[in-house]
Every structure is written in structure tokens, then in C-alpha cells.
N, C-alpha and C. Protein backbone atom coordinates (compact mmCIF):
# COMPACT_ATOMS: atom_id res chain seq x y z
N UNK A 1 -3.19 31.37 -100.62
CA UNK A 1 -4.64 31.50 -100.25
C UNK A 1 -4.69 31.37 -98.73
N UNK A 2 -3.66 30.71 -98.05
CA UNK A 2 -3.77 30.41 -96.72
C UNK A 2 -3.41 31.83 -95.95
N UNK A 3 -2.58 32.57 -96.50
CA UNK A 3 -2.11 33.88 -95.87
C UNK A 3 -3.42 34.79 -95.70
N UNK A 4 -4.10 35.01 -96.87
CA UNK A 4 -5.22 36.07 -96.68
C UNK A 4 -6.36 35.56 -95.58
N UNK A 5 -6.53 34.19 -95.56
CA UNK A 5 -7.42 33.53 -94.57
C UNK A 5 -6.92 33.82 -93.24
N UNK A 6 -5.55 33.59 -93.03
CA UNK A 6 -4.98 33.88 -91.76
C UNK A 6 -5.00 35.33 -91.36
N UNK A 7 -4.79 36.23 -92.22
CA UNK A 7 -4.87 37.66 -91.83
C UNK A 7 -6.31 38.04 -91.56
N UNK A 8 -7.30 37.55 -92.26
CA UNK A 8 -8.69 37.76 -91.98
C UNK A 8 -9.04 37.21 -90.55
N UNK A 9 -8.65 36.05 -90.14
CA UNK A 9 -8.79 35.51 -88.89
C UNK A 9 -8.19 36.35 -87.79
N UNK A 10 -7.05 36.69 -87.97
CA UNK A 10 -6.26 37.58 -87.07
C UNK A 10 -7.10 38.91 -86.83
N UNK A 11 -7.41 39.45 -87.96
CA UNK A 11 -8.18 40.82 -87.90
C UNK A 11 -9.45 40.68 -87.10
N UNK A 12 -10.27 39.53 -87.30
CA UNK A 12 -11.51 39.40 -86.72
C UNK A 12 -11.23 39.17 -85.13
N UNK A 13 -10.11 38.61 -84.67
CA UNK A 13 -9.82 38.51 -83.41
C UNK A 13 -9.11 39.75 -82.64
N UNK A 14 -8.91 40.78 -83.46
CA UNK A 14 -8.43 42.03 -82.97
C UNK A 14 -6.90 42.04 -82.96
N UNK A 15 -6.29 41.02 -83.61
CA UNK A 15 -4.70 40.90 -83.62
C UNK A 15 -4.24 41.67 -84.83
N UNK A 16 -3.38 42.62 -84.76
CA UNK A 16 -2.82 43.12 -85.84
C UNK A 16 -1.42 42.45 -86.19
N UNK A 17 -1.21 42.27 -87.59
CA UNK A 17 0.00 41.61 -87.96
C UNK A 17 1.18 42.70 -87.70
N UNK A 18 2.40 42.07 -87.49
CA UNK A 18 3.51 43.03 -87.12
C UNK A 18 3.79 43.83 -88.40
N UNK A 19 4.03 45.11 -88.16
CA UNK A 19 4.31 45.89 -89.33
C UNK A 19 5.76 46.47 -89.24
N UNK A 20 6.43 46.28 -88.14
CA UNK A 20 7.73 46.81 -88.01
C UNK A 20 8.80 45.90 -88.64
N UNK A 21 9.51 46.45 -89.49
CA UNK A 21 10.54 45.73 -90.06
C UNK A 21 11.83 45.84 -89.37
N UNK A 22 12.91 45.04 -89.59
CA UNK A 22 14.20 45.22 -88.94
C UNK A 22 14.73 46.52 -89.09
N UNK A 23 14.60 47.16 -90.24
CA UNK A 23 15.14 48.45 -90.58
C UNK A 23 14.48 49.73 -89.71
N UNK A 24 13.17 49.44 -89.33
CA UNK A 24 12.47 50.35 -88.54
C UNK A 24 12.18 49.85 -87.11
N UNK A 25 12.94 48.98 -86.62
CA UNK A 25 12.96 48.43 -85.29
C UNK A 25 13.26 49.52 -84.22
N UNK A 26 12.66 49.34 -83.14
CA UNK A 26 12.90 50.34 -82.10
C UNK A 26 14.34 50.37 -81.65
N UNK A 27 14.84 51.48 -81.09
CA UNK A 27 16.26 51.55 -80.88
C UNK A 27 16.74 50.60 -79.75
N UNK A 28 15.89 50.10 -78.88
CA UNK A 28 16.30 49.21 -77.74
C UNK A 28 16.53 47.86 -78.24
N UNK A 29 16.30 47.65 -79.61
CA UNK A 29 16.49 46.36 -80.12
C UNK A 29 17.80 46.31 -80.89
N UNK A 30 18.38 47.52 -80.98
CA UNK A 30 19.67 47.61 -81.85
C UNK A 30 20.85 46.90 -81.04
N UNK A 31 21.56 46.20 -81.74
CA UNK A 31 22.85 45.63 -81.11
C UNK A 31 24.04 46.36 -81.58
N UNK A 32 24.73 46.89 -80.49
CA UNK A 32 26.06 47.66 -80.80
C UNK A 32 27.23 46.85 -80.36
N UNK A 33 28.20 47.20 -81.04
CA UNK A 33 29.64 46.65 -80.77
C UNK A 33 29.97 46.91 -79.35
N UNK A 34 30.68 45.99 -78.71
CA UNK A 34 31.13 46.23 -77.32
C UNK A 34 32.12 47.44 -77.29
N UNK A 35 31.97 48.29 -76.27
CA UNK A 35 32.87 49.47 -76.18
C UNK A 35 34.27 49.10 -75.50
N UNK A 36 34.30 47.84 -75.02
CA UNK A 36 35.66 47.52 -74.18
C UNK A 36 36.75 47.14 -75.22
N UNK A 37 36.48 46.98 -76.48
CA UNK A 37 37.51 46.58 -77.47
C UNK A 37 38.20 47.86 -77.87
N UNK A 38 39.47 47.93 -77.61
CA UNK A 38 40.25 49.19 -77.99
C UNK A 38 40.52 49.27 -79.44
N UNK A 39 40.61 50.55 -80.00
CA UNK A 39 40.87 50.83 -81.36
C UNK A 39 42.27 50.23 -81.84
N UNK A 40 42.39 49.89 -83.06
CA UNK A 40 43.53 49.43 -83.61
C UNK A 40 44.04 50.60 -84.46
N UNK A 41 45.49 50.53 -84.63
CA UNK A 41 46.04 51.71 -85.47
C UNK A 41 47.28 51.09 -86.20
N UNK A 42 47.39 51.51 -87.42
CA UNK A 42 48.39 51.29 -88.39
C UNK A 42 49.29 52.44 -88.61
N UNK A 43 50.54 52.23 -88.76
CA UNK A 43 51.62 53.12 -89.00
C UNK A 43 52.42 52.66 -90.14
N UNK A 44 52.69 53.60 -91.12
CA UNK A 44 53.72 53.36 -92.20
C UNK A 44 54.94 53.77 -91.61
N UNK A 45 55.98 52.91 -91.70
CA UNK A 45 57.32 53.33 -90.94
C UNK A 45 58.34 52.96 -92.05
N UNK A 46 59.61 53.66 -91.88
CA UNK A 46 60.77 53.49 -92.60
C UNK A 46 61.48 52.16 -92.16
N UNK A 47 61.39 51.90 -90.84
CA UNK A 47 61.80 50.61 -90.36
C UNK A 47 61.00 50.21 -89.10
N UNK A 48 60.85 48.82 -88.90
CA UNK A 48 60.16 48.39 -87.76
C UNK A 48 61.05 47.29 -86.96
N UNK A 49 60.86 47.38 -85.71
CA UNK A 49 61.65 46.35 -84.84
C UNK A 49 60.61 45.49 -84.19
N UNK A 50 60.41 44.24 -84.72
CA UNK A 50 59.37 43.47 -84.17
C UNK A 50 59.64 42.93 -82.75
N UNK A 51 60.84 43.03 -82.14
CA UNK A 51 61.16 42.63 -80.81
C UNK A 51 60.64 43.66 -79.84
N UNK A 52 60.67 44.95 -80.14
CA UNK A 52 60.22 46.02 -79.26
C UNK A 52 58.85 46.49 -79.79
N UNK A 53 58.21 46.03 -80.80
CA UNK A 53 57.01 46.48 -81.29
C UNK A 53 56.97 48.05 -81.45
N UNK A 54 58.08 48.50 -82.22
CA UNK A 54 58.29 49.91 -82.43
C UNK A 54 58.81 50.23 -83.85
N UNK A 55 58.69 51.34 -84.43
CA UNK A 55 59.15 51.66 -85.64
C UNK A 55 59.65 53.16 -85.70
N UNK A 56 60.56 53.42 -86.64
CA UNK A 56 61.12 54.64 -86.89
C UNK A 56 60.65 55.37 -88.16
N UNK A 57 60.59 56.60 -88.23
CA UNK A 57 60.16 57.29 -89.43
C UNK A 57 58.61 56.96 -89.77
N UNK A 58 57.81 56.96 -88.62
CA UNK A 58 56.36 56.29 -88.83
C UNK A 58 55.40 57.52 -89.03
N UNK A 59 54.34 57.25 -89.59
CA UNK A 59 53.17 58.13 -89.80
C UNK A 59 51.92 57.28 -89.79
N UNK A 60 50.81 57.78 -89.12
CA UNK A 60 49.71 57.12 -88.92
C UNK A 60 49.15 56.95 -90.37
N UNK A 61 48.33 55.79 -90.53
CA UNK A 61 47.62 55.52 -91.86
C UNK A 61 46.35 54.82 -91.54
N UNK A 62 45.33 55.14 -92.22
CA UNK A 62 44.06 54.40 -92.10
C UNK A 62 44.20 53.09 -92.76
N UNK A 63 43.29 52.06 -92.30
CA UNK A 63 43.32 50.76 -92.79
C UNK A 63 43.27 50.62 -94.28
N UNK A 64 42.39 51.51 -94.95
CA UNK A 64 42.06 51.39 -96.35
C UNK A 64 43.25 51.85 -97.17
N UNK A 65 44.21 52.52 -96.55
CA UNK A 65 45.40 53.15 -97.22
C UNK A 65 46.64 52.31 -96.95
N UNK A 66 46.58 51.13 -96.33
CA UNK A 66 47.78 50.34 -96.00
C UNK A 66 48.64 49.88 -97.09
N UNK A 67 48.01 49.87 -98.33
CA UNK A 67 48.66 49.31 -99.51
C UNK A 67 49.65 50.51 -99.91
N UNK A 68 49.48 51.70 -99.54
CA UNK A 68 50.31 52.79 -99.82
C UNK A 68 51.74 52.65 -99.09
N UNK A 69 51.71 51.81 -97.98
CA UNK A 69 53.04 51.79 -97.26
C UNK A 69 54.07 50.98 -98.16
N UNK A 70 55.04 51.60 -98.40
CA UNK A 70 56.18 50.91 -99.24
C UNK A 70 57.16 50.12 -98.55
N UNK A 71 57.44 50.49 -97.35
CA UNK A 71 58.53 49.85 -96.63
C UNK A 71 58.21 48.97 -95.53
N UNK A 72 57.54 49.54 -94.49
CA UNK A 72 57.25 48.74 -93.22
C UNK A 72 56.00 49.19 -92.72
N UNK A 73 55.19 48.23 -92.06
CA UNK A 73 53.86 48.47 -91.49
C UNK A 73 54.00 48.04 -89.97
N UNK A 74 53.62 48.99 -89.07
CA UNK A 74 53.56 48.64 -87.73
C UNK A 74 52.11 48.66 -87.34
N UNK A 75 51.58 47.53 -86.78
CA UNK A 75 50.09 47.49 -86.35
C UNK A 75 50.07 47.34 -84.78
N UNK A 76 49.33 48.33 -84.24
CA UNK A 76 49.22 48.21 -82.74
C UNK A 76 47.72 47.86 -82.42
N UNK A 77 47.56 46.92 -81.56
CA UNK A 77 46.17 46.49 -81.26
C UNK A 77 45.45 47.52 -80.28
N UNK A 78 46.11 48.05 -79.25
CA UNK A 78 45.33 48.90 -78.39
C UNK A 78 45.90 50.20 -78.19
N UNK A 79 46.84 50.27 -77.13
CA UNK A 79 47.57 51.49 -76.88
C UNK A 79 48.85 51.63 -77.67
N UNK A 80 49.21 52.93 -77.94
CA UNK A 80 50.40 53.20 -78.72
C UNK A 80 50.85 54.57 -78.44
N UNK A 81 52.12 54.85 -78.74
CA UNK A 81 52.59 56.26 -78.67
C UNK A 81 53.28 56.70 -80.05
N UNK A 82 53.22 57.83 -80.39
CA UNK A 82 53.96 58.37 -81.64
C UNK A 82 54.62 59.64 -81.10
N UNK A 83 55.94 59.66 -81.21
CA UNK A 83 56.77 60.82 -80.76
C UNK A 83 57.89 61.01 -81.80
N UNK A 84 57.91 62.08 -82.52
CA UNK A 84 58.95 62.52 -83.44
C UNK A 84 59.17 61.40 -84.39
N UNK A 85 58.12 60.77 -85.07
CA UNK A 85 58.21 59.73 -86.01
C UNK A 85 58.40 58.48 -85.44
N UNK A 86 58.67 58.20 -84.17
CA UNK A 86 58.84 56.92 -83.52
C UNK A 86 57.53 56.40 -82.88
N UNK A 87 57.02 55.30 -83.55
CA UNK A 87 55.80 54.69 -82.96
C UNK A 87 56.13 53.41 -82.01
N UNK A 88 55.40 53.34 -81.02
CA UNK A 88 55.67 52.24 -80.18
C UNK A 88 54.27 51.62 -79.77
N UNK A 89 54.08 50.30 -79.88
CA UNK A 89 52.86 49.67 -79.43
C UNK A 89 53.09 49.38 -77.93
N UNK A 90 52.08 49.72 -77.19
CA UNK A 90 52.02 49.30 -75.69
C UNK A 90 51.34 48.20 -75.40
N UNK A 91 51.81 47.30 -74.60
CA UNK A 91 51.07 46.05 -74.36
C UNK A 91 50.15 46.11 -73.39
């Protein structure tokens, strides 16, 4: 009962209630992830050397397919190289 009375009072004063929902909010209100965070990359490898952050016999794999890696997984946080099956995480 209070809500209809409040809406009537606002309408009489010329104030319109907000009609914009979060899903239809203007683009300038959208919060985006920071661009300074580097992408992460996973590699399925035949062997991994944790001291050098590198692996041999490696292939790139998406995060959702990491369970398919049977032997070893190399996870690089930012920069990495992949040459002839050898992956190396760069610090």
C-alpha cells in the first residue's frame, strides 16, 4: 500500500521512477577486468622441470581440458615460449 502511494506522490511531483535495470544499464557503468593482467597458459608435457619452469614434449591446452593431460602440466602465468615441443615460462 505504501509503494503505490509513493509512486503517485513522485508522479505528481514530476519525478519518474528509475526504469533502467542493471542488465540495461548504460555502457559507461559497465565494469571491465583490468587489461594489465597477462593471460595464463597451460601446457600438457611429457616431462616438466620445476627448477627451470620448462617442459619437453609440450602442447598448449585450454583450462577446461587440463584433465586430459596424463603425464605433466606446465602452467605459465604471463609470458612463455613454445619451440619444437619445448615450453618455457618466462618470469
